[in-house]
Amino acid sequence: MKHNVFYWLVVNCLILTSCSQNKKVHGDWEQNKVYKWNDYYKSNECFSVDFESELMLDVFPDVKFKWTRLSVTAEENGIEKGLISGMPVLNVYFTDLTNDGFPEICSTVNFGSGIIDSHIEVYDLKNDKKYTLWERMEYDYNLIMENDELLVEKRPYICNEDYSAETGKLIMEDDMLKFKQ
């Protein structure tokens, strides 16, 4: 009997652990809907060197998204394509910024060794296009989610997180990613 209980606990833990890293998201993507895959930007939680998470979206039925510390990729028909890269990729959100009914992948990434900044990368998988909100060594940009809304924190470069940040919206205007206060 002891072995059966132990076996049952181990099997259930394995099932629960694997489910937490592989998700399937259903739904339509009207503008302003936001899905948070995860956010390590303001978290005390640190993801491991071998961190990897996978996600499927109904709107892209043949695509498997994979997030590691250094990248977000999309695999379709056995072919993997790099979408976003960072040192590390701190968070991943999905929202429809282009108002075409398909979500874009939005991330805060750090970049550099020595001179490190934070900026935002957005990938429009439907149209195979990448956008960046980046003013290296002038401002740091970070995605945050408040009240189910995707927002951007903008602060002068090299200011710590205690420094008062401007908060605004992430918008697509004139085919460019912009911060709008």
N, C-alpha and C. Protein backbone atom coordinates (compact mmCIF):
# COMPACT_ATOMS: atom_id res chain seq x y z
N MET A 1 0.82 -1.21 0.00
CA MET A 1 0.00 0.00 0.00
C MET A 1 0.86 1.27 0.00
N LYS A 2 1.96 1.26 0.79
CA LYS A 2 2.84 2.41 0.85
C LYS A 2 3.38 2.78 -0.53
N HIS A 3 3.76 1.76 -1.28
CA HIS A 3 4.33 2.00 -2.61
C HIS A 3 3.28 2.57 -3.55
N ASN A 4 2.04 2.13 -3.44
CA ASN A 4 0.98 2.66 -4.31
C ASN A 4 0.73 4.14 -4.05
N VAL A 5 0.74 4.57 -2.80
CA VAL A 5 0.53 5.97 -2.47
C VAL A 5 1.71 6.80 -3.00
N PHE A 6 2.94 6.32 -2.78
CA PHE A 6 4.12 7.02 -3.28
C PHE A 6 4.07 7.13 -4.80
N TYR A 7 3.76 6.04 -5.48
CA TYR A 7 3.68 6.03 -6.95
C TYR A 7 2.62 7.03 -7.42
N TRP A 8 1.46 7.05 -6.77
CA TRP A 8 0.38 7.96 -7.14
C TRP A 8 0.82 9.42 -6.97
N LEU A 9 1.52 9.72 -5.86
CA LEU A 9 2.01 11.09 -5.63
C LEU A 9 3.03 11.50 -6.69
N VAL A 10 3.96 10.62 -7.02
CA VAL A 10 4.98 10.93 -8.02
C VAL A 10 4.34 11.18 -9.39
N VAL A 11 3.42 10.31 -9.79
CA VAL A 11 2.76 10.46 -11.09
C VAL A 11 1.98 11.77 -11.15
N ASN A 12 1.24 12.09 -10.11
CA ASN A 12 0.46 13.33 -10.09
C ASN A 12 1.35 14.56 -10.11
N CYS A 13 2.46 14.52 -9.40
CA CYS A 13 3.40 15.65 -9.42
C CYS A 13 3.98 15.84 -10.81
N LEU A 14 4.34 14.76 -11.47
CA LEU A 14 4.87 14.86 -12.83
C LEU A 14 3.83 15.42 -13.78
N ILE A 15 2.60 14.99 -13.67
CA ILE A 15 1.53 15.50 -14.53
C ILE A 15 1.31 16.97 -14.28
N LEU A 16 1.22 17.38 -13.02
CA LEU A 16 0.99 18.78 -12.70
C LEU A 16 2.16 19.65 -13.14
N THR A 17 3.38 19.18 -12.97
CA THR A 17 4.55 19.95 -13.38
C THR A 17 4.59 20.13 -14.87
N SER A 18 4.34 19.08 -15.62
CA SER A 18 4.40 19.21 -17.08
C SER A 18 3.28 20.09 -17.60
N CYS A 19 2.13 20.07 -16.98
CA CYS A 19 1.02 20.92 -17.43
C CYS A 19 1.31 22.39 -17.17
N SER A 20 2.05 22.69 -16.11
CA SER A 20 2.30 24.09 -15.80
C SER A 20 3.23 24.74 -16.81
N GLN A 21 4.03 23.98 -17.53
CA GLN A 21 4.97 24.54 -18.48
C GLN A 21 4.46 24.47 -19.91
N ASN A 22 3.41 23.71 -20.18
CA ASN A 22 2.86 23.60 -21.53
C ASN A 22 1.39 24.01 -21.47
N LYS A 23 1.06 25.09 -22.16
CA LYS A 23 -0.29 25.63 -22.07
C LYS A 23 -0.90 25.77 -23.44
N LYS A 24 -2.23 25.76 -23.47
CA LYS A 24 -2.96 26.04 -24.70
C LYS A 24 -3.95 27.16 -24.38
N VAL A 25 -3.93 28.22 -25.19
CA VAL A 25 -4.78 29.38 -24.94
C VAL A 25 -5.86 29.45 -26.00
N HIS A 26 -7.11 29.58 -25.55
CA HIS A 26 -8.25 29.67 -26.45
C HIS A 26 -8.77 31.10 -26.47
N GLY A 27 -9.44 31.47 -27.52
CA GLY A 27 -10.13 32.74 -27.51
C GLY A 27 -9.90 33.58 -28.74
N ASP A 28 -10.73 34.62 -28.84
CA ASP A 28 -10.58 35.58 -29.93
C ASP A 28 -9.66 36.69 -29.43
N TRP A 29 -9.17 37.49 -30.35
CA TRP A 29 -8.16 38.48 -29.98
C TRP A 29 -8.59 39.88 -30.35
N GLU A 30 -9.69 40.33 -29.76
CA GLU A 30 -10.08 41.71 -29.98
C GLU A 30 -9.00 42.62 -29.42
N GLN A 31 -8.92 43.82 -29.95
CA GLN A 31 -7.89 44.75 -29.50
C GLN A 31 -8.06 45.01 -28.01
N ASN A 32 -6.96 45.14 -27.30
CA ASN A 32 -6.85 45.41 -25.87
C ASN A 32 -6.94 44.17 -24.99
N LYS A 33 -7.28 42.99 -25.54
CA LYS A 33 -7.23 41.78 -24.73
C LYS A 33 -5.75 41.42 -24.56
N VAL A 34 -5.38 41.06 -23.35
CA VAL A 34 -3.98 40.72 -23.07
C VAL A 34 -3.92 39.36 -22.40
N TYR A 35 -3.01 38.52 -22.88
CA TYR A 35 -2.73 37.27 -22.22
C TYR A 35 -1.29 37.32 -21.72
N LYS A 36 -1.10 37.12 -20.42
CA LYS A 36 0.24 37.11 -19.84
C LYS A 36 0.73 35.67 -19.78
N TRP A 37 1.79 35.37 -20.54
CA TRP A 37 2.39 34.04 -20.46
C TRP A 37 3.09 33.93 -19.11
N ASN A 38 3.97 34.87 -18.83
CA ASN A 38 4.58 35.00 -17.51
C ASN A 38 5.40 36.28 -17.48
N ASP A 39 5.73 36.74 -16.28
CA ASP A 39 6.47 37.98 -16.15
C ASP A 39 7.48 37.85 -15.02
N TYR A 40 8.75 37.90 -15.35
CA TYR A 40 9.82 37.84 -14.36
C TYR A 40 10.44 39.21 -14.13
N TYR A 41 9.93 40.24 -14.79
CA TYR A 41 10.51 41.58 -14.68
C TYR A 41 10.51 42.09 -13.24
N LYS A 42 9.37 42.09 -12.59
CA LYS A 42 9.29 42.60 -11.22
C LYS A 42 9.16 41.48 -10.19
N SER A 43 9.39 40.27 -10.64
CA SER A 43 9.23 39.11 -9.76
C SER A 43 10.50 38.87 -8.96
N ASN A 44 10.33 38.40 -7.75
CA ASN A 44 11.49 37.97 -6.97
C ASN A 44 11.92 36.57 -7.40
N GLU A 45 11.06 35.95 -8.19
CA GLU A 45 11.32 34.61 -8.70
C GLU A 45 12.37 34.71 -9.81
N CYS A 46 13.33 33.83 -9.79
CA CYS A 46 14.38 33.83 -10.80
C CYS A 46 14.25 32.55 -11.61
N PHE A 47 14.20 32.67 -12.92
CA PHE A 47 14.08 31.45 -13.70
C PHE A 47 15.45 30.87 -13.96
N SER A 48 15.51 29.55 -14.03
CA SER A 48 16.77 28.82 -14.11
C SER A 48 17.41 28.93 -15.49
N VAL A 49 18.67 28.56 -15.55
CA VAL A 49 19.43 28.58 -16.80
C VAL A 49 18.76 27.71 -17.86
N ASP A 50 18.21 26.59 -17.43
CA ASP A 50 17.58 25.67 -18.38
C ASP A 50 16.06 25.89 -18.51
N PHE A 51 15.58 27.08 -18.11
CA PHE A 51 14.16 27.41 -18.20
C PHE A 51 13.65 27.24 -19.63
N GLU A 52 12.49 26.60 -19.74
CA GLU A 52 11.83 26.44 -21.04
C GLU A 52 10.34 26.25 -20.80
N SER A 53 9.54 26.97 -21.58
CA SER A 53 8.09 26.85 -21.48
C SER A 53 7.51 26.86 -22.89
N GLU A 54 6.45 26.09 -23.09
CA GLU A 54 5.81 26.01 -24.40
C GLU A 54 4.36 26.43 -24.30
N LEU A 55 3.83 26.96 -25.41
CA LEU A 55 2.47 27.48 -25.42
C LEU A 55 1.89 27.31 -26.82
N MET A 56 0.61 27.00 -26.89
CA MET A 56 -0.13 26.92 -28.16
C MET A 56 -1.30 27.90 -28.07
N LEU A 57 -1.57 28.60 -29.18
CA LEU A 57 -2.71 29.51 -29.27
C LEU A 57 -3.65 29.00 -30.36
N ASP A 58 -4.94 29.00 -30.08
CA ASP A 58 -5.93 28.57 -31.09
C ASP A 58 -5.82 29.35 -32.39
N VAL A 59 -5.49 30.62 -32.29
CA VAL A 59 -5.45 31.49 -33.46
C VAL A 59 -4.29 31.13 -34.40
N PHE A 60 -3.26 30.44 -33.89
CA PHE A 60 -2.15 29.90 -34.68
C PHE A 60 -2.09 28.40 -34.40
N PRO A 61 -3.02 27.61 -34.94
CA PRO A 61 -3.17 26.21 -34.54
C PRO A 61 -1.97 25.30 -34.84
N ASP A 62 -1.16 25.64 -35.81
CA ASP A 62 -0.03 24.78 -36.18
C ASP A 62 1.29 25.28 -35.62
N VAL A 63 1.24 26.24 -34.71
CA VAL A 63 2.46 26.86 -34.19
C VAL A 63 2.62 26.53 -32.71
N LYS A 64 3.82 26.10 -32.36
CA LYS A 64 4.16 25.90 -30.94
C LYS A 64 5.18 26.97 -30.57
N PHE A 65 4.82 27.83 -29.63
CA PHE A 65 5.72 28.86 -29.14
C PHE A 65 6.58 28.28 -28.03
N LYS A 66 7.85 28.64 -28.03
CA LYS A 66 8.76 28.19 -26.98
C LYS A 66 9.50 29.41 -26.45
N TRP A 67 9.55 29.51 -25.11
CA TRP A 67 10.23 30.60 -24.44
C TRP A 67 11.34 30.00 -23.60
N THR A 68 12.56 30.48 -23.82
CA THR A 68 13.70 30.15 -22.97
C THR A 68 14.22 31.46 -22.39
N ARG A 69 15.22 31.39 -21.56
CA ARG A 69 15.79 32.62 -20.99
C ARG A 69 16.25 33.59 -22.07
N LEU A 70 16.73 33.07 -23.19
CA LEU A 70 17.36 33.91 -24.21
C LEU A 70 16.51 34.18 -25.44
N SER A 71 15.35 33.51 -25.57
CA SER A 71 14.59 33.72 -26.81
C SER A 71 13.14 33.26 -26.70
N VAL A 72 12.36 33.74 -27.66
CA VAL A 72 11.02 33.23 -27.92
C VAL A 72 11.05 32.79 -29.38
N THR A 73 10.65 31.54 -29.61
CA THR A 73 10.64 31.00 -30.96
C THR A 73 9.26 30.46 -31.29
N ALA A 74 9.03 30.25 -32.58
CA ALA A 74 7.78 29.63 -33.05
C ALA A 74 8.17 28.46 -33.93
N GLU A 75 7.61 27.30 -33.64
CA GLU A 75 7.86 26.11 -34.46
C GLU A 75 6.60 25.76 -35.23
N GLU A 76 6.75 25.67 -36.55
CA GLU A 76 5.64 25.31 -37.42
C GLU A 76 6.14 24.32 -38.46
N ASN A 77 5.45 23.19 -38.56
CA ASN A 77 5.84 22.12 -39.49
C ASN A 77 7.30 21.70 -39.31
N GLY A 78 7.74 21.62 -38.06
CA GLY A 78 9.09 21.17 -37.76
C GLY A 78 10.18 22.21 -37.96
N ILE A 79 9.80 23.42 -38.38
CA ILE A 79 10.77 24.49 -38.61
C ILE A 79 10.64 25.52 -37.49
N GLU A 80 11.76 25.78 -36.81
CA GLU A 80 11.76 26.73 -35.71
C GLU A 80 12.30 28.09 -36.19
N LYS A 81 11.60 29.15 -35.79
CA LYS A 81 11.97 30.50 -36.21
C LYS A 81 12.14 31.37 -34.97
N GLY A 82 13.25 32.10 -34.88
CA GLY A 82 13.48 33.02 -33.78
C GLY A 82 12.62 34.26 -33.94
N LEU A 83 11.93 34.66 -32.87
CA LEU A 83 11.06 35.84 -32.91
C LEU A 83 11.62 36.98 -32.06
N ILE A 84 12.02 36.65 -30.85
CA ILE A 84 12.49 37.65 -29.88
C ILE A 84 13.71 37.08 -29.19
N SER A 85 14.70 37.95 -28.93
CA SER A 85 15.88 37.48 -28.20
C SER A 85 16.29 38.53 -27.17
N GLY A 86 16.90 38.07 -26.10
CA GLY A 86 17.34 38.96 -25.04
C GLY A 86 18.34 38.28 -24.13
N MET A 87 18.82 39.03 -23.16
CA MET A 87 19.82 38.54 -22.22
C MET A 87 19.39 38.87 -20.80
N PRO A 88 18.28 38.46 -20.30
CA PRO A 88 17.31 37.49 -20.80
C PRO A 88 16.05 38.17 -21.36
N VAL A 89 15.11 37.31 -21.78
CA VAL A 89 13.75 37.73 -22.12
C VAL A 89 12.98 37.69 -20.80
N LEU A 90 12.56 38.85 -20.30
CA LEU A 90 12.02 38.95 -18.95
C LEU A 90 10.53 38.63 -18.83
N ASN A 91 9.77 38.90 -19.89
CA ASN A 91 8.34 38.60 -19.84
C ASN A 91 7.82 38.40 -21.25
N VAL A 92 6.67 37.74 -21.33
CA VAL A 92 6.02 37.53 -22.63
C VAL A 92 4.52 37.73 -22.46
N TYR A 93 3.98 38.61 -23.31
CA TYR A 93 2.55 38.88 -23.36
C TYR A 93 2.09 38.71 -24.80
N PHE A 94 0.80 38.45 -24.97
CA PHE A 94 0.18 38.42 -26.29
C PHE A 94 -0.96 39.43 -26.28
N THR A 95 -1.00 40.30 -27.27
CA THR A 95 -2.09 41.26 -27.42
C THR A 95 -2.13 41.72 -28.87
N ASP A 96 -3.28 42.14 -29.32
CA ASP A 96 -3.45 42.58 -30.71
C ASP A 96 -3.21 44.09 -30.81
N LEU A 97 -1.98 44.47 -31.12
CA LEU A 97 -1.62 45.88 -31.27
C LEU A 97 -1.96 46.42 -32.66
N THR A 98 -2.01 45.55 -33.66
CA THR A 98 -2.24 45.99 -35.05
C THR A 98 -3.71 45.98 -35.43
N ASN A 99 -4.57 45.51 -34.52
CA ASN A 99 -6.01 45.47 -34.74
C ASN A 99 -6.41 44.63 -35.97
N ASP A 100 -5.69 43.51 -36.17
CA ASP A 100 -6.01 42.62 -37.29
C ASP A 100 -6.66 41.31 -36.83
N GLY A 101 -6.95 41.20 -35.52
CA GLY A 101 -7.59 39.99 -35.00
C GLY A 101 -6.60 38.91 -34.60
N PHE A 102 -5.30 39.17 -34.72
CA PHE A 102 -4.26 38.22 -34.34
C PHE A 102 -3.33 38.87 -33.32
N PRO A 103 -2.96 38.15 -32.27
CA PRO A 103 -2.11 38.75 -31.24
C PRO A 103 -0.65 38.85 -31.69
N GLU A 104 -0.01 39.91 -31.23
CA GLU A 104 1.43 40.04 -31.38
C GLU A 104 2.09 39.57 -30.08
N ILE A 105 3.32 39.12 -30.19
CA ILE A 105 4.09 38.67 -29.04
C ILE A 105 4.88 39.88 -28.55
N CYS A 106 4.71 40.23 -27.28
CA CYS A 106 5.33 41.43 -26.72
C CYS A 106 6.20 41.03 -25.53
N SER A 107 7.44 41.53 -25.50
CA SER A 107 8.37 41.16 -24.43
C SER A 107 9.25 42.32 -24.01
N THR A 108 9.61 42.29 -22.73
CA THR A 108 10.68 43.13 -22.22
C THR A 108 11.93 42.28 -22.27
N VAL A 109 12.99 42.83 -22.84
CA VAL A 109 14.26 42.10 -22.90
C VAL A 109 15.38 43.00 -22.39
N ASN A 110 16.37 42.38 -21.79
CA ASN A 110 17.60 43.08 -21.46
C ASN A 110 18.59 42.78 -22.56
N PHE A 111 19.50 43.73 -22.79
CA PHE A 111 20.49 43.56 -23.84
C PHE A 111 21.81 44.18 -23.39
N GLY A 112 22.90 43.49 -23.70
CA GLY A 112 24.22 44.04 -23.45
C GLY A 112 25.01 43.27 -22.42
N SER A 113 26.30 43.50 -22.43
CA SER A 113 27.18 42.96 -21.40
C SER A 113 28.10 44.11 -21.00
N GLY A 114 27.90 44.62 -19.84
CA GLY A 114 28.59 45.83 -19.40
C GLY A 114 27.63 46.99 -19.43
N ILE A 115 27.21 47.41 -20.62
CA ILE A 115 26.17 48.43 -20.76
C ILE A 115 24.88 47.69 -21.07
N ILE A 116 24.06 47.55 -20.05
CA ILE A 116 22.83 46.75 -20.17
C ILE A 116 21.63 47.68 -20.16
N ASP A 117 20.72 47.45 -21.09
CA ASP A 117 19.48 48.22 -21.11
C ASP A 117 18.29 47.29 -21.18
N SER A 118 17.12 47.87 -20.95
CA SER A 118 15.85 47.15 -21.09
C SER A 118 15.07 47.83 -22.20
N HIS A 119 14.53 47.02 -23.08
CA HIS A 119 13.70 47.57 -24.16
C HIS A 119 12.59 46.57 -24.49
N ILE A 120 11.72 46.97 -25.41
CA ILE A 120 10.56 46.14 -25.74
C ILE A 120 10.69 45.65 -27.18
N GLU A 121 10.46 44.36 -27.35
CA GLU A 121 10.41 43.76 -28.67
C GLU A 121 9.02 43.18 -28.89
N VAL A 122 8.48 43.42 -30.08
CA VAL A 122 7.16 42.91 -30.45
C VAL A 122 7.30 42.20 -31.78
N TYR A 123 6.70 41.01 -31.86
CA TYR A 123 6.74 40.27 -33.12
C TYR A 123 5.32 40.00 -33.60
N ASP A 124 5.04 40.41 -34.82
CA ASP A 124 3.77 40.18 -35.48
C ASP A 124 3.92 38.92 -36.34
N LEU A 125 3.53 37.78 -35.80
CA LEU A 125 3.70 36.51 -36.51
C LEU A 125 2.85 36.45 -37.77
N LYS A 126 1.66 36.99 -37.73
CA LYS A 126 0.76 36.96 -38.88
C LYS A 126 1.40 37.62 -40.10
N ASN A 127 2.08 38.74 -39.89
CA ASN A 127 2.69 39.50 -40.98
C ASN A 127 4.21 39.37 -41.04
N ASP A 128 4.77 38.50 -40.17
CA ASP A 128 6.21 38.23 -40.15
C ASP A 128 7.03 39.52 -40.06
N LYS A 129 6.72 40.30 -38.99
CA LYS A 129 7.38 41.59 -38.85
C LYS A 129 7.72 41.84 -37.38
N LYS A 130 8.91 42.40 -37.16
CA LYS A 130 9.37 42.69 -35.80
C LYS A 130 9.42 44.21 -35.58
N TYR A 131 9.01 44.62 -34.38
CA TYR A 131 9.03 46.01 -33.97
C TYR A 131 9.82 46.13 -32.67
N THR A 132 10.47 47.27 -32.48
CA THR A 132 11.26 47.48 -31.26
C THR A 132 11.02 48.89 -30.73
N LEU A 133 10.85 48.97 -29.42
CA LEU A 133 10.80 50.26 -28.72
C LEU A 133 12.10 50.33 -27.92
N TRP A 134 13.07 51.10 -28.45
CA TRP A 134 14.42 51.03 -27.92
C TRP A 134 15.13 52.35 -28.14
N GLU A 135 15.52 52.98 -27.07
CA GLU A 135 16.33 54.19 -27.12
C GLU A 135 17.54 53.94 -26.23
N ARG A 136 18.47 53.15 -26.77
CA ARG A 136 19.63 52.67 -26.01
C ARG A 136 20.40 53.83 -25.38
N MET A 137 20.65 53.67 -24.09
CA MET A 137 21.41 54.60 -23.26
C MET A 137 20.69 55.94 -23.04
N GLU A 138 19.44 56.04 -23.46
CA GLU A 138 18.63 57.22 -23.14
C GLU A 138 17.50 56.84 -22.18
N TYR A 139 16.74 55.77 -22.55
CA TYR A 139 15.62 55.32 -21.73
C TYR A 139 15.60 53.80 -21.66
N ASP A 140 15.08 53.29 -20.55
CA ASP A 140 14.74 51.87 -20.42
C ASP A 140 13.23 51.77 -20.51
N TYR A 141 12.75 50.74 -21.20
CA TYR A 141 11.31 50.48 -21.35
C TYR A 141 11.02 49.09 -20.82
N ASN A 142 9.95 48.98 -20.04
CA ASN A 142 9.55 47.69 -19.47
C ASN A 142 8.04 47.54 -19.57
N LEU A 143 7.61 46.35 -19.98
CA LEU A 143 6.17 46.04 -20.01
C LEU A 143 5.70 45.66 -18.62
N ILE A 144 4.53 46.16 -18.26
CA ILE A 144 3.88 45.77 -17.01
C ILE A 144 2.40 45.56 -17.32
N MET A 145 1.74 44.82 -16.45
CA MET A 145 0.31 44.60 -16.62
C MET A 145 -0.39 45.12 -15.37
N GLU A 146 -1.33 46.03 -15.59
CA GLU A 146 -2.13 46.57 -14.50
C GLU A 146 -3.59 46.56 -14.91
N ASN A 147 -4.45 46.03 -14.05
CA ASN A 147 -5.89 45.97 -14.32
C ASN A 147 -6.18 45.36 -15.70
N ASP A 148 -5.52 44.25 -16.01
CA ASP A 148 -5.69 43.53 -17.29
C ASP A 148 -5.32 44.36 -18.51
N GLU A 149 -4.50 45.39 -18.32
CA GLU A 149 -4.07 46.23 -19.43
C GLU A 149 -2.55 46.18 -19.53
N LEU A 150 -2.04 46.06 -20.75
CA LEU A 150 -0.61 46.04 -20.99
C LEU A 150 -0.12 47.48 -21.07
N LEU A 151 0.82 47.84 -20.18
CA LEU A 151 1.35 49.19 -20.11
C LEU A 151 2.87 49.16 -20.23
N VAL A 152 3.45 50.35 -20.38
CA VAL A 152 4.89 50.49 -20.51
C VAL A 152 5.39 51.43 -19.42
N GLU A 153 6.47 51.04 -18.76
CA GLU A 153 7.19 51.95 -17.87
C GLU A 153 8.38 52.49 -18.65
N LYS A 154 8.55 53.80 -18.59
CA LYS A 154 9.68 54.46 -19.26
C LYS A 154 10.45 55.22 -18.19
N ARG A 155 11.74 54.94 -18.10
CA ARG A 155 12.55 55.68 -17.14
C ARG A 155 13.90 56.00 -17.76
N PRO A 156 14.51 57.08 -17.33
CA PRO A 156 15.83 57.42 -17.86
C PRO A 156 16.81 56.26 -17.65
N TYR A 157 17.69 56.09 -18.60
CA TYR A 157 18.68 55.01 -18.56
C TYR A 157 19.51 55.10 -17.27
N ILE A 158 19.82 53.97 -16.73
CA ILE A 158 20.64 53.77 -15.54
C ILE A 158 19.96 54.24 -14.25
N CYS A 159 18.69 54.49 -14.26
CA CYS A 159 17.98 54.79 -13.02
C CYS A 159 17.43 53.49 -12.48
N ASN A 160 17.53 53.31 -11.19
CA ASN A 160 17.02 52.07 -10.62
C ASN A 160 15.50 52.08 -10.58
N GLU A 161 14.93 50.94 -10.21
CA GLU A 161 13.48 50.79 -10.26
C GLU A 161 12.75 51.65 -9.24
N ASP A 162 13.47 52.19 -8.25
CA ASP A 162 12.83 53.08 -7.28
C ASP A 162 12.59 54.46 -7.87
N TYR A 163 13.28 54.77 -8.97
CA TYR A 163 13.13 56.05 -9.64
C TYR A 163 11.74 56.12 -10.27
N SER A 164 11.09 57.24 -10.13
CA SER A 164 9.74 57.41 -10.68
C SER A 164 9.74 57.23 -12.19
N ALA A 165 8.92 56.34 -12.66
CA ALA A 165 8.82 56.06 -14.09
C ALA A 165 7.55 56.67 -14.66
N GLU A 166 7.63 57.07 -15.92
CA GLU A 166 6.42 57.45 -16.64
C GLU A 166 5.73 56.16 -17.05
N THR A 167 4.42 56.13 -16.95
CA THR A 167 3.67 54.96 -17.37
C THR A 167 2.75 55.36 -18.51
N GLY A 168 2.73 54.54 -19.56
CA GLY A 168 1.90 54.84 -20.70
C GLY A 168 1.49 53.58 -21.44
N LYS A 169 0.93 53.77 -22.61
CA LYS A 169 0.46 52.65 -23.42
C LYS A 169 1.47 52.31 -24.50
N LEU A 170 1.46 51.06 -24.87
CA LEU A 170 2.23 50.58 -26.00
C LEU A 170 1.29 50.61 -27.20
N ILE A 171 1.62 51.40 -28.21
CA ILE A 171 0.72 51.52 -29.36
C ILE A 171 1.50 51.31 -30.66
N MET A 172 0.76 50.99 -31.71
CA MET A 172 1.30 50.89 -33.05
C MET A 172 0.76 52.09 -33.81
N GLU A 173 1.67 52.92 -34.33
CA GLU A 173 1.27 54.12 -35.06
C GLU A 173 2.23 54.34 -36.22
N ASP A 174 1.71 54.55 -37.40
CA ASP A 174 2.54 54.73 -38.60
C ASP A 174 3.52 53.57 -38.78
N ASP A 175 3.04 52.36 -38.50
CA ASP A 175 3.83 51.14 -38.63
C ASP A 175 5.08 51.15 -37.74
N MET A 176 4.96 51.86 -36.60
CA MET A 176 6.05 51.91 -35.62
C MET A 176 5.48 51.67 -34.22
N LEU A 177 6.29 51.05 -33.39
CA LEU A 177 5.94 50.84 -31.99
C LEU A 177 6.27 52.12 -31.22
N LYS A 178 5.30 52.59 -30.41
CA LYS A 178 5.50 53.86 -29.70
C LYS A 178 4.99 53.77 -28.27
N PHE A 179 5.56 54.64 -27.44
CA PHE A 179 5.13 54.86 -26.07
C PHE A 179 4.21 56.07 -26.09
N LYS A 180 3.00 55.92 -25.55
CA LYS A 180 2.05 57.04 -25.51
C LYS A 180 1.59 57.24 -24.07
N GLN A 181 1.87 58.41 -23.57
CA GLN A 181 1.49 58.71 -22.19
C GLN A 181 0.08 59.21 -22.11
